[in-house]
PDB file of all heavy atoms in Angstrom:
ATOM      1  N   LYS A   1      17.430  42.291 -28.080  1.00  0.00           N
ATOM      2  CA  LYS A   1      17.581  41.926 -26.734  1.00  0.00           C
ATOM      3  C   LYS A   1      18.018  40.390 -26.680  1.00  0.00           C
ATOM      4  O   LYS A   1      17.541  39.548 -27.439  1.00  0.00           O
ATOM      5  CB  LYS A   1      16.419  42.169 -25.837  1.00  0.00           C
ATOM      6  CG  LYS A   1      16.090  43.588 -25.505  1.00  0.00           C
ATOM      7  CD  LYS A   1      15.016  43.693 -24.685  1.00  0.00           C
ATOM      8  CE  LYS A   1      14.720  45.095 -24.234  1.00  0.00           C
ATOM      9  NZ  LYS A   1      13.586  45.167 -23.331  1.00  0.00           N
ATOM     10  N   LYS A   2      18.933  40.064 -25.748  1.00  0.00           N
ATOM     11  CA  LYS A   2      19.162  38.638 -25.504  1.00  0.00           C
ATOM     12  C   LYS A   2      17.960  37.930 -24.961  1.00  0.00           C
ATOM     13  O   LYS A   2      17.263  38.402 -24.085  1.00  0.00           O
ATOM     14  CB  LYS A   2      20.408  38.423 -24.601  1.00  0.00           C
ATOM     15  CG  LYS A   2      21.606  38.812 -25.207  1.00  0.00           C
ATOM     16  CD  LYS A   2      22.775  38.629 -24.176  1.00  0.00           C
ATOM     17  CE  LYS A   2      24.036  39.131 -24.721  1.00  0.00           C
ATOM     18  NZ  LYS A   2      25.286  38.867 -23.747  1.00  0.00           N
ATOM     19  N   ASP A   3      17.774  36.876 -25.498  1.00  0.00           N
ATOM     20  CA  ASP A   3      16.651  35.921 -24.877  1.00  0.00           C
ATOM     21  C   ASP A   3      17.194  35.227 -23.761  1.00  0.00           C
ATOM     22  O   ASP A   3      17.981  34.315 -23.823  1.00  0.00           O
ATOM     23  CB  ASP A   3      16.185  34.894 -25.984  1.00  0.00           C
ATOM     24  CG  ASP A   3      15.410  35.695 -27.122  1.00  0.00           C
ATOM     25  OD1 ASP A   3      14.813  36.702 -26.845  1.00  0.00           O
ATOM     26  OD2 ASP A   3      15.387  34.996 -28.318  1.00  0.00           O
ATOM     27  N   THR A   4      16.743  35.578 -22.509  1.00  0.00           N
ATOM     28  CA  THR A   4      17.146  34.961 -21.307  1.00  0.00           C
ATOM     29  C   THR A   4      16.045  33.882 -21.041  1.00  0.00           C
ATOM     30  O   THR A   4      14.797  34.062 -21.120  1.00  0.00           O
ATOM     31  CB  THR A   4      17.302  35.894 -20.269  1.00  0.00           C
ATOM     32  OG1 THR A   4      16.012  36.668 -20.003  1.00  0.00           O
ATOM     33  CG2 THR A   4      18.288  36.961 -20.483  1.00  0.00           C
ATOM     34  N   PRO A   5      16.494  32.633 -20.584  1.00  0.00           N
ATOM     35  CA  PRO A   5      15.677  31.697 -20.232  1.00  0.00           C
ATOM     36  C   PRO A   5      14.800  32.108 -19.082  1.00  0.00           C
ATOM     37  O   PRO A   5      15.317  32.784 -18.128  1.00  0.00           O
ATOM     38  CB  PRO A   5      16.500  30.459 -19.909  1.00  0.00           C
ATOM     39  CG  PRO A   5      17.894  30.989 -19.593  1.00  0.00           C
ATOM     40  CD  PRO A   5      17.901  32.310 -20.377  1.00  0.00           C
ATOM     41  N   PRO A   6      13.580  31.648 -18.871  1.00  0.00           N
ATOM     42  CA  PRO A   6      12.810  31.926 -17.714  1.00  0.00           C
ATOM     43  C   PRO A   6      13.458  31.349 -16.536  1.00  0.00           C
ATOM     44  O   PRO A   6      14.036  30.283 -16.491  1.00  0.00           O
ATOM     45  CB  PRO A   6      11.511  31.329 -18.041  1.00  0.00           C
ATOM     46  CG  PRO A   6      11.766  30.274 -19.006  1.00  0.00           C
ATOM     47  CD  PRO A   6      12.860  30.690 -19.858  1.00  0.00           C
ATOM     48  N   ALA A   7      13.253  32.129 -15.342  1.00  0.00           N
ATOM     49  CA  ALA A   7      13.925  31.677 -14.160  1.00  0.00           C
ATOM     50  C   ALA A   7      13.106  30.568 -13.602  1.00  0.00           C
ATOM     51  O   ALA A   7      11.916  30.595 -13.551  1.00  0.00           O
ATOM     52  CB  ALA A   7      13.924  32.866 -13.098  1.00  0.00           C
ATOM     53  N   ILE A   8      13.897  29.503 -13.233  1.00  0.00           N
ATOM     54  CA  ILE A   8      13.166  28.280 -12.684  1.00  0.00           C
ATOM     55  C   ILE A   8      13.621  28.207 -11.144  1.00  0.00           C
ATOM     56  O   ILE A   8      14.718  28.207 -10.886  1.00  0.00           O
ATOM     57  CB  ILE A   8      13.713  26.992 -13.448  1.00  0.00           C
ATOM     58  CG1 ILE A   8      13.337  27.101 -14.863  1.00  0.00           C
ATOM     59  CG2 ILE A   8      13.141  25.761 -12.816  1.00  0.00           C
ATOM     60  CD1 ILE A   8      13.991  26.030 -15.792  1.00  0.00           C
ATOM     61  N   ASP A   9      12.579  28.134 -10.318  1.00  0.00           N
ATOM     62  CA  ASP A   9      12.839  28.031  -8.910  1.00  0.00           C
ATOM     63  C   ASP A   9      13.554  26.730  -8.511  1.00  0.00           C
ATOM     64  O   ASP A   9      13.138  25.689  -9.069  1.00  0.00           O
ATOM     65  CB  ASP A   9      11.526  28.132  -8.080  1.00  0.00           C
ATOM     66  CG  ASP A   9      11.059  29.594  -8.050  1.00  0.00           C
ATOM     67  OD1 ASP A   9      11.795  30.493  -8.282  1.00  0.00           O
ATOM     68  OD2 ASP A   9       9.792  29.755  -7.788  1.00  0.00           O
ATOM     69  N   PRO A  10      14.492  26.801  -7.725  1.00  0.00           N
ATOM     70  CA  PRO A  10      15.109  25.373  -7.334  1.00  0.00           C
ATOM     71  C   PRO A  10      14.185  24.541  -6.517  1.00  0.00           C
ATOM     72  O   PRO A  10      13.288  25.158  -5.871  1.00  0.00           O
ATOM     73  CB  PRO A  10      16.282  25.896  -6.459  1.00  0.00           C
ATOM     74  CG  PRO A  10      15.967  27.266  -5.890  1.00  0.00           C
ATOM     75  CD  PRO A  10      15.080  27.877  -7.029  1.00  0.00           C
ATOM     76  N   THR A  11      14.307  23.254  -6.705  1.00  0.00           N
ATOM     77  CA  THR A  11      13.271  22.376  -6.055  1.00  0.00           C
ATOM     78  C   THR A  11      14.077  21.144  -5.499  1.00  0.00           C
ATOM     79  O   THR A  11      15.161  20.815  -5.987  1.00  0.00           O
ATOM     80  CB  THR A  11      12.330  21.821  -7.100  1.00  0.00           C
ATOM     81  OG1 THR A  11      13.077  21.202  -8.158  1.00  0.00           O
ATOM     82  CG2 THR A  11      11.470  22.882  -7.649  1.00  0.00           C
ATOM     83  N   PHE A  12      13.384  20.480  -4.542  1.00  0.00           N
ATOM     84  CA  PHE A  12      13.763  19.115  -4.085  1.00  0.00           C
ATOM     85  C   PHE A  12      13.267  18.146  -5.217  1.00  0.00           C
ATOM     86  O   PHE A  12      12.105  18.191  -5.391  1.00  0.00           O
ATOM     87  CB  PHE A  12      13.242  18.833  -2.683  1.00  0.00           C
ATOM     88  CG  PHE A  12      14.003  19.469  -1.575  1.00  0.00           C
ATOM     89  CD1 PHE A  12      13.369  20.358  -0.707  1.00  0.00           C
ATOM     90  CD2 PHE A  12      15.381  19.022  -1.300  1.00  0.00           C
ATOM     91  CE1 PHE A  12      14.085  20.792   0.278  1.00  0.00           C
ATOM     92  CE2 PHE A  12      16.024  19.493  -0.238  1.00  0.00           C
ATOM     93  CZ  PHE A  12      15.436  20.469   0.642  1.00  0.00           C
ATOM     94  N   THR A  13      14.115  17.364  -5.736  1.00  0.00           N
ATOM     95  CA  THR A  13      13.541  16.262  -6.590  1.00  0.00           C
ATOM     96  C   THR A  13      13.498  15.016  -5.858  1.00  0.00           C
ATOM     97  O   THR A  13      12.687  14.144  -6.228  1.00  0.00           O
ATOM     98  CB  THR A  13      14.492  16.101  -7.806  1.00  0.00           C
ATOM     99  OG1 THR A  13      15.808  15.799  -7.339  1.00  0.00           O
ATOM    100  CG2 THR A  13      14.526  17.321  -8.683  1.00  0.00           C
ATOM    101  N   LYS A  14      14.079  14.855  -4.720  1.00  0.00           N
ATOM    102  CA  LYS A  14      13.937  13.617  -3.817  1.00  0.00           C
ATOM    103  C   LYS A  14      14.355  13.992  -2.444  1.00  0.00           C
ATOM    104  O   LYS A  14      15.473  14.718  -2.331  1.00  0.00           O
ATOM    105  CB  LYS A  14      14.806  12.499  -4.442  1.00  0.00           C
ATOM    106  CG  LYS A  14      14.574  11.276  -3.639  1.00  0.00           C
ATOM    107  CD  LYS A  14      15.339  10.099  -4.259  1.00  0.00           C
ATOM    108  CE  LYS A  14      15.117   8.806  -3.543  1.00  0.00           C
ATOM    109  NZ  LYS A  14      15.893   7.566  -4.093  1.00  0.00           N
ATOM    110  N   PHE A  15      13.691  13.549  -1.463  1.00  0.00           N
ATOM    111  CA  PHE A  15      13.949  13.703  -0.048  1.00  0.00           C
ATOM    112  C   PHE A  15      13.804  12.349   0.629  1.00  0.00           C
ATOM    113  O   PHE A  15      12.670  11.809   0.581  1.00  0.00           O
ATOM    114  CB  PHE A  15      13.171  14.813   0.561  1.00  0.00           C
ATOM    115  CG  PHE A  15      13.583  15.441   1.836  1.00  0.00           C
ATOM    116  CD1 PHE A  15      14.260  16.658   1.749  1.00  0.00           C
ATOM    117  CD2 PHE A  15      13.430  14.705   2.949  1.00  0.00           C
ATOM    118  CE1 PHE A  15      14.810  17.147   2.931  1.00  0.00           C
ATOM    119  CE2 PHE A  15      14.053  15.241   4.219  1.00  0.00           C
ATOM    120  CZ  PHE A  15      14.737  16.555   4.116  1.00  0.00           C
ATOM    121  N   TYR A  16      14.824  11.935   1.289  1.00  0.00           N
ATOM    122  CA  TYR A  16      14.647  10.491   1.850  1.00  0.00           C
ATOM    123  C   TYR A  16      15.667  10.384   3.067  1.00  0.00           C
ATOM    124  O   TYR A  16      16.597  11.128   3.248  1.00  0.00           O
ATOM    125  CB  TYR A  16      15.015   9.517   0.771  1.00  0.00           C
ATOM    126  CG  TYR A  16      16.397   9.522   0.166  1.00  0.00           C
ATOM    127  CD1 TYR A  16      17.419   8.662   0.534  1.00  0.00           C
ATOM    128  CD2 TYR A  16      16.663  10.470  -0.854  1.00  0.00           C
ATOM    129  CE1 TYR A  16      18.669   8.732  -0.003  1.00  0.00           C
ATOM    130  CE2 TYR A  16      17.944  10.597  -1.419  1.00  0.00           C
ATOM    131  CZ  TYR A  16      18.955   9.700  -0.983  1.00  0.00           C
ATOM    132  OH  TYR A  16      20.127   9.735  -1.538  1.00  0.00           O
ATOM    133  N   LEU A  17      15.496   9.208   3.729  1.00  0.00           N
ATOM    134  CA  LEU A  17      16.433   8.912   4.819  1.00  0.00           C
ATOM    135  C   LEU A  17      17.079   7.441   4.313  1.00  0.00           C
ATOM    136  O   LEU A  17      16.383   6.558   4.114  1.00  0.00           O
ATOM    137  CB  LEU A  17      15.625   8.677   6.061  1.00  0.00           C
ATOM    138  CG  LEU A  17      14.892   9.814   6.618  1.00  0.00           C
ATOM    139  CD1 LEU A  17      14.164   9.446   7.979  1.00  0.00           C
ATOM    140  CD2 LEU A  17      15.727  11.041   6.874  1.00  0.00           C
ATOM    141  N   SER A  18      18.381   7.559   4.446  1.00  0.00           N
ATOM    142  CA  SER A  18      19.111   6.398   3.915  1.00  0.00           C
ATOM    143  C   SER A  18      19.419   5.503   5.151  1.00  0.00           C
ATOM    144  O   SER A  18      19.735   6.040   6.171  1.00  0.00           O
ATOM    145  CB  SER A  18      20.405   6.795   3.288  1.00  0.00           C
ATOM    146  OG  SER A  18      21.276   5.739   3.124  1.00  0.00           O
ATOM    147  N   ALA A  19      19.293   4.231   4.936  1.00  0.00           N
ATOM    148  CA  ALA A  19      19.485   3.218   6.171  1.00  0.00           C
ATOM    149  C   ALA A  19      21.044   3.334   6.463  1.00  0.00           C
ATOM    150  O   ALA A  19      21.382   3.107   7.694  1.00  0.00           O
ATOM    151  CB  ALA A  19      19.163   1.851   5.775  1.00  0.00           C
ATOM    152  N   SER A  20      21.921   3.608   5.559  1.00  0.00           N
ATOM    153  CA  SER A  20      23.355   3.623   5.883  1.00  0.00           C
ATOM    154  C   SER A  20      23.782   4.787   6.662  1.00  0.00           C
ATOM    155  O   SER A  20      24.782   4.758   7.371  1.00  0.00           O
ATOM    156  CB  SER A  20      24.111   3.556   4.554  1.00  0.00           C
ATOM    157  OG  SER A  20      23.719   4.747   3.762  1.00  0.00           O
ATOM    158  N   ASN A  21      22.931   5.930   6.601  1.00  0.00           N
ATOM    159  CA  ASN A  21      23.312   7.119   7.343  1.00  0.00           C
ATOM    160  C   ASN A  21      22.498   7.344   8.697  1.00  0.00           C
ATOM    161  O   ASN A  21      22.891   8.161   9.453  1.00  0.00           O
ATOM    162  CB  ASN A  21      23.064   8.368   6.562  1.00  0.00           C
ATOM    163  CG  ASN A  21      23.939   8.438   5.302  1.00  0.00           C
ATOM    164  OD1 ASN A  21      25.032   7.908   5.320  1.00  0.00           O
ATOM    165  ND2 ASN A  21      23.435   9.127   4.286  1.00  0.00           N
ATOM    166  N   ASN A  22      21.555   6.514   8.913  1.00  0.00           N
ATOM    167  CA  ASN A  22      20.671   6.492  10.057  1.00  0.00           C
ATOM    168  C   ASN A  22      20.509   5.247  10.818  1.00  0.00           C
ATOM    169  O   ASN A  22      19.733   4.328  10.298  1.00  0.00           O
ATOM    170  CB  ASN A  22      19.266   6.984   9.583  1.00  0.00           C
ATOM    171  CG  ASN A  22      19.289   8.401   9.046  1.00  0.00           C
ATOM    172  OD1 ASN A  22      19.454   9.417   9.725  1.00  0.00           O
ATOM    173  ND2 ASN A  22      19.243   8.456   7.725  1.00  0.00           N
ATOM    174  N   PRO A  23      21.239   5.096  11.855  1.00  0.00           N
ATOM    175  CA  PRO A  23      21.103   3.816  12.632  1.00  0.00           C
ATOM    176  C   PRO A  23      19.651   3.707  13.140  1.00  0.00           C
ATOM    177  O   PRO A  23      19.116   4.658  13.641  1.00  0.00           O
ATOM    178  CB  PRO A  23      22.108   4.103  13.815  1.00  0.00           C
ATOM    179  CG  PRO A  23      23.055   5.121  13.397  1.00  0.00           C
ATOM    180  CD  PRO A  23      22.273   5.955  12.447  1.00  0.00           C
ATOM    181  N   GLY A  24      19.150   2.482  13.044  1.00  0.00           N
ATOM    182  CA  GLY A  24      17.777   2.272  13.449  1.00  0.00           C
ATOM    183  C   GLY A  24      16.898   1.999  12.205  1.00  0.00           C
ATOM    184  O   GLY A  24      15.771   1.508  12.399  1.00  0.00           O
ATOM    185  N   LEU A  25      17.396   2.366  11.085  1.00  0.00           N
ATOM    186  CA  LEU A  25      16.562   2.090   9.780  1.00  0.00           C
ATOM    187  C   LEU A  25      17.120   0.859   9.093  1.00  0.00           C
ATOM    188  O   LEU A  25      18.378   0.583   9.128  1.00  0.00           O
ATOM    189  CB  LEU A  25      16.764   3.260   8.886  1.00  0.00           C
ATOM    190  CG  LEU A  25      15.964   4.597   9.063  1.00  0.00           C
ATOM    191  CD1 LEU A  25      16.176   5.558   7.906  1.00  0.00           C
ATOM    192  CD2 LEU A  25      14.458   4.220   9.196  1.00  0.00           C
ATOM    193  N   THR A  26      16.179   0.085   8.586  1.00  0.00           N
ATOM    194  CA  THR A  26      16.639  -1.068   7.840  1.00  0.00           C
ATOM    195  C   THR A  26      16.413  -0.910   6.357  1.00  0.00           C
ATOM    196  O   THR A  26      17.074  -1.572   5.502  1.00  0.00           O
ATOM    197  CB  THR A  26      15.894  -2.270   8.303  1.00  0.00           C
ATOM    198  OG1 THR A  26      14.476  -2.074   8.179  1.00  0.00           O
ATOM    199  CG2 THR A  26      16.146  -2.759   9.773  1.00  0.00           C
ATOM    200  N   THR A  27      15.591   0.036   6.007  1.00  0.00           N
ATOM    201  CA  THR A  27      15.345   0.318   4.574  1.00  0.00           C
ATOM    202  C   THR A  27      15.196   1.833   4.413  1.00  0.00           C
ATOM    203  O   THR A  27      15.004   2.591   5.373  1.00  0.00           O
ATOM    204  CB  THR A  27      13.919  -0.318   3.954  1.00  0.00           C
ATOM    205  OG1 THR A  27      12.942   0.228   4.723  1.00  0.00           O
ATOM    206  CG2 THR A  27      14.097  -1.869   4.130  1.00  0.00           C
ATOM    207  N   GLU A  28      15.503   2.221   3.169  1.00  0.00           N
ATOM    208  CA  GLU A  28      15.263   3.669   2.792  1.00  0.00           C
ATOM    209  C   GLU A  28      13.819   4.225   3.086  1.00  0.00           C
ATOM    210  O   GLU A  28      12.823   3.438   2.745  1.00  0.00           O
ATOM    211  CB  GLU A  28      15.593   3.963   1.396  1.00  0.00           C
ATOM    212  CG  GLU A  28      15.596   5.384   0.979  1.00  0.00           C
ATOM    213  CD  GLU A  28      16.018   5.574  -0.419  1.00  0.00           C
ATOM    214  OE1 GLU A  28      17.230   5.417  -0.747  1.00  0.00           O
ATOM    215  OE2 GLU A  28      15.107   5.883  -1.330  1.00  0.00           O
ATOM    216  N   VAL A  29      13.723   5.325   3.575  1.00  0.00           N
ATOM    217  CA  VAL A  29      12.432   6.051   3.894  1.00  0.00           C
ATOM    218  C   VAL A  29      12.332   7.213   2.917  1.00  0.00           C
ATOM    219  O   VAL A  29      13.106   8.140   2.984  1.00  0.00           O
ATOM    220  CB  VAL A  29      12.178   6.391   5.274  1.00  0.00           C
ATOM    221  CG1 VAL A  29      10.857   7.070   5.516  1.00  0.00           C
ATOM    222  CG2 VAL A  29      12.252   5.219   6.284  1.00  0.00           C
ATOM    223  N   THR A  30      11.387   7.203   1.949  1.00  0.00           N
ATOM    224  CA  THR A  30      11.225   8.304   0.980  1.00  0.00           C
ATOM    225  C   THR A  30      10.170   9.198   1.459  1.00  0.00           C
ATOM    226  O   THR A  30       9.045   8.824   1.756  1.00  0.00           O
ATOM    227  CB  THR A  30      10.923   7.717  -0.356  1.00  0.00           C
ATOM    228  OG1 THR A  30      11.964   6.829  -0.596  1.00  0.00           O
ATOM    229  CG2 THR A  30      10.951   8.813  -1.392  1.00  0.00           C
ATOM    230  N   GLY A  31      10.413  10.503   1.369  1.00  0.00           N
ATOM    231  CA  GLY A  31       9.470  11.452   1.642  1.00  0.00           C
ATOM    232  C   GLY A  31       8.510  11.885   0.513  1.00  0.00           C
ATOM    233  O   GLY A  31       8.998  11.513  -0.672  1.00  0.00           O
ATOM    234  N   VAL A  32       7.306  12.283   0.797  1.00  0.00           N
ATOM    235  CA  VAL A  32       6.413  12.698  -0.290  1.00  0.00           C
ATOM    236  C   VAL A  32       6.450  14.223  -0.397  1.00  0.00           C
ATOM    237  O   VAL A  32       6.195  15.011   0.592  1.00  0.00           O
ATOM    238  CB  VAL A  32       4.988  12.312   0.086  1.00  0.00           C
ATOM    239  CG1 VAL A  32       3.992  12.632  -0.980  1.00  0.00           C
ATOM    240  CG2 VAL A  32       4.974  10.660   0.212  1.00  0.00           C
ATOM    241  N   ILE A  33       6.814  14.704  -1.613  1.00  0.00           N
ATOM    242  CA  ILE A  33       6.891  16.126  -1.941  1.00  0.00           C
ATOM    243  C   ILE A  33       5.666  16.540  -2.562  1.00  0.00           C
ATOM    244  O   ILE A  33       5.434  16.156  -3.687  1.00  0.00           O
ATOM    245  CB  ILE A  33       8.100  16.494  -2.770  1.00  0.00           C
ATOM    246  CG1 ILE A  33       9.390  15.904  -2.013  1.00  0.00           C
ATOM    247  CG2 ILE A  33       8.215  18.004  -3.049  1.00  0.00           C
ATOM    248  CD1 ILE A  33      10.632  15.982  -2.851  1.00  0.00           C
ATOM    249  N   GLU A  34       4.818  17.502  -2.035  1.00  0.00           N
ATOM    250  CA  GLU A  34       3.768  18.000  -2.568  1.00  0.00           C
ATOM    251  C   GLU A  34       3.746  19.547  -2.450  1.00  0.00           C
ATOM    252  O   GLU A  34       3.628  20.113  -1.284  1.00  0.00           O
ATOM    253  CB  GLU A  34       2.423  17.472  -1.926  1.00  0.00           C
ATOM    254  CG  GLU A  34       2.150  16.075  -2.259  1.00  0.00           C
ATOM    255  CD  GLU A  34       0.818  15.570  -1.586  1.00  0.00           C
ATOM    256  OE1 GLU A  34       0.159  16.326  -1.060  1.00  0.00           O
ATOM    257  OE2 GLU A  34       0.545  14.348  -1.803  1.00  0.00           O
ATOM    258  N   GLY A  35       3.890  20.208  -3.532  1.00  0.00           N
ATOM    259  CA  GLY A  35       4.016  21.737  -3.586  1.00  0.00           C
ATOM    260  C   GLY A  35       5.391  21.983  -2.769  1.00  0.00           C
ATOM    261  O   GLY A  35       6.425  21.660  -3.199  1.00  0.00           O
ATOM    262  N   LYS A  36       5.224  22.814  -1.715  1.00  0.00           N
ATOM    263  CA  LYS A  36       6.374  23.191  -0.874  1.00  0.00           C
ATOM    264  C   LYS A  36       6.338  22.526   0.350  1.00  0.00           C
ATOM    265  O   LYS A  36       6.909  22.949   1.332  1.00  0.00           O
ATOM    266  CB  LYS A  36       6.328  24.816  -0.646  1.00  0.00           C
ATOM    267  CG  LYS A  36       6.380  25.552  -1.971  1.00  0.00           C
ATOM    268  CD  LYS A  36       7.803  25.388  -2.610  1.00  0.00           C
ATOM    269  CE  LYS A  36       7.780  26.262  -3.951  1.00  0.00           C
ATOM    270  NZ  LYS A  36       9.035  26.196  -4.704  1.00  0.00           N
ATOM    271  N   GLU A  37       5.659  21.365   0.503  1.00  0.00           N
ATOM    272  CA  GLU A  37       5.624  20.554   1.753  1.00  0.00           C
ATOM    273  C   GLU A  37       6.278  19.160   1.397  1.00  0.00           C
ATOM    274  O   GLU A  37       6.059  18.630   0.428  1.00  0.00           O
ATOM    275  CB  GLU A  37       4.158  20.420   2.241  1.00  0.00           C
ATOM    276  CG  GLU A  37       3.343  21.681   2.461  1.00  0.00           C
ATOM    277  CD  GLU A  37       3.690  22.321   3.826  1.00  0.00           C
ATOM    278  OE1 GLU A  37       3.985  21.534   4.659  1.00  0.00           O
ATOM    279  OE2 GLU A  37       3.722  23.446   3.870  1.00  0.00           O
ATOM    280  N   ILE A  38       6.950  18.781   2.438  1.00  0.00           N
ATOM    281  CA  ILE A  38       7.538  17.339   2.404  1.00  0.00           C
ATOM    282  C   ILE A  38       6.999  16.558   3.615  1.00  0.00           C
ATOM    283  O   ILE A  38       7.095  17.031   4.761  1.00  0.00           O
ATOM    284  CB  ILE A  38       9.064  17.373   2.494  1.00  0.00           C
ATOM    285  CG1 ILE A  38       9.569  18.240   1.350  1.00  0.00           C
ATOM    286  CG2 ILE A  38       9.686  16.025   2.374  1.00  0.00           C
ATOM    287  CD1 ILE A  38      11.069  18.578   1.595  1.00  0.00           C
ATOM    288  N   ALA A  39       6.370  15.471   3.422  1.00  0.00           N
ATOM    289  CA  ALA A  39       5.903  14.567   4.500  1.00  0.00           C
ATOM    290  C   ALA A  39       6.799  13.355   4.580  1.00  0.00           C
ATOM    291  O   ALA A  39       7.069  12.754   3.459  1.00  0.00           O
ATOM    292  CB  ALA A  39       4.496  14.183   4.288  1.00  0.00           C
ATOM    293  N   LEU A  40       7.173  13.025   5.716  1.00  0.00           N
ATOM    294  CA  LEU A  40       8.176  11.900   5.854  1.00  0.00           C
ATOM    295  C   LEU A  40       7.680  11.004   7.092  1.00  0.00           C
ATOM    296  O   LEU A  40       7.539  11.483   8.199  1.00  0.00           O
ATOM    297  CB  LEU A  40       9.586  12.486   6.275  1.00  0.00           C
ATOM    298  CG  LEU A  40      10.808  11.574   6.233  1.00  0.00           C
ATOM    299  CD1 LEU A  40      10.973  10.999   4.741  1.00  0.00           C
ATOM    300  CD2 LEU A  40      12.007  12.404   6.629  1.00  0.00           C
ATOM    301  N   ARG A  41       7.359   9.804   6.798  1.00  0.00           N
ATOM    302  CA  ARG A  41       6.897   8.751   7.689  1.00  0.00           C
ATOM    303  C   ARG A  41       8.167   8.061   8.337  1.00  0.00           C
ATOM    304  O   ARG A  41       8.852   7.368   7.658  1.00  0.00           O
ATOM    305  CB  ARG A  41       5.988   7.791   7.174  1.00  0.00           C
ATOM    306  CG  ARG A  41       4.658   8.328   6.933  1.00  0.00           C
ATOM    307  CD  ARG A  41       3.790   7.847   8.089  1.00  0.00           C
ATOM    308  NE  ARG A  41       2.378   8.359   7.868  1.00  0.00           N
ATOM    309  CZ  ARG A  41       1.714   8.709   8.809  1.00  0.00           C
ATOM    310  NH1 ARG A  41       2.118   8.700  10.058  1.00  0.00           N
ATOM    311  NH2 ARG A  41       0.524   9.151   8.637  1.00  0.00           N
ATOM    312  N   ILE A  42       8.414   8.351   9.629  1.00  0.00           N
ATOM    313  CA  ILE A  42       9.524   7.879  10.187  1.00  0.00           C
ATOM    314  C   ILE A  42       9.245   6.605  11.184  1.00  0.00           C
ATOM    315  O   ILE A  42       8.363   6.765  12.003  1.00  0.00           O
ATOM    316  CB  ILE A  42      10.254   8.924  11.111  1.00  0.00           C
ATOM    317  CG1 ILE A  42      10.674  10.058  10.147  1.00  0.00           C
ATOM    318  CG2 ILE A  42      11.460   8.386  11.840  1.00  0.00           C
ATOM    319  CD1 ILE A  42      11.422  11.229  10.748  1.00  0.00           C
ATOM    320  N   PRO A  43       9.915   5.559  10.957  1.00  0.00           N
ATOM    321  CA  PRO A  43       9.721   4.407  11.920  1.00  0.00           C
ATOM    322  C   PRO A  43       9.999   4.663  13.380  1.00  0.00           C
ATOM    323  O   PRO A  43      10.863   5.528  13.585  1.00  0.00           O
ATOM    324  CB  PRO A  43      10.745   3.368  11.407  1.00  0.00           C
ATOM    325  CG  PRO A  43      11.039   3.737   9.961  1.00  0.00           C
ATOM    326  CD  PRO A  43      10.988   5.211  10.037  1.00  0.00           C
ATOM    327  N   ASN A  44       9.433   4.020  14.238  1.00  0.00           N
ATOM    328  CA  ASN A  44       9.552   4.279  15.660  1.00  0.00           C
ATOM    329  C   ASN A  44      10.966   3.907  16.222  1.00  0.00           C
ATOM    330  O   ASN A  44      11.520   4.410  17.168  1.00  0.00           O
ATOM    331  CB  ASN A  44       8.583   3.460  16.503  1.00  0.00           C
ATOM    332  CG  ASN A  44       7.188   4.075  16.245  1.00  0.00           C
ATOM    333  OD1 ASN A  44       6.913   5.190  16.059  1.00  0.00           O
ATOM    334  ND2 ASN A  44       6.173   3.107  16.216  1.00  0.00           N
ATOM    335  N   SER A  45      11.707   3.107  15.381  1.00  0.00           N
ATOM    336  CA  SER A  45      13.045   2.676  15.772  1.00  0.00           C
ATOM    337  C   SER A  45      14.032   3.788  15.559  1.00  0.00           C
ATOM    338  O   SER A  45      15.196   3.661  16.106  1.00  0.00           O
ATOM    339  CB  SER A  45      13.536   1.481  14.955  1.00  0.00           C
ATOM    340  OG  SER A  45      13.546   1.854  13.561  1.00  0.00           O
TER     341      SER A  45
END
């Protein structure tokens, strides 16, 4: 039998808000990925 590699679930490796794509941001905002949850702290602006 052919040895097939184990299936690897696709994942987010990084989730963020770029200042260049989002007016009102001055710096990049990076999300925290824990398991299947992403937490993102967004500035009030």
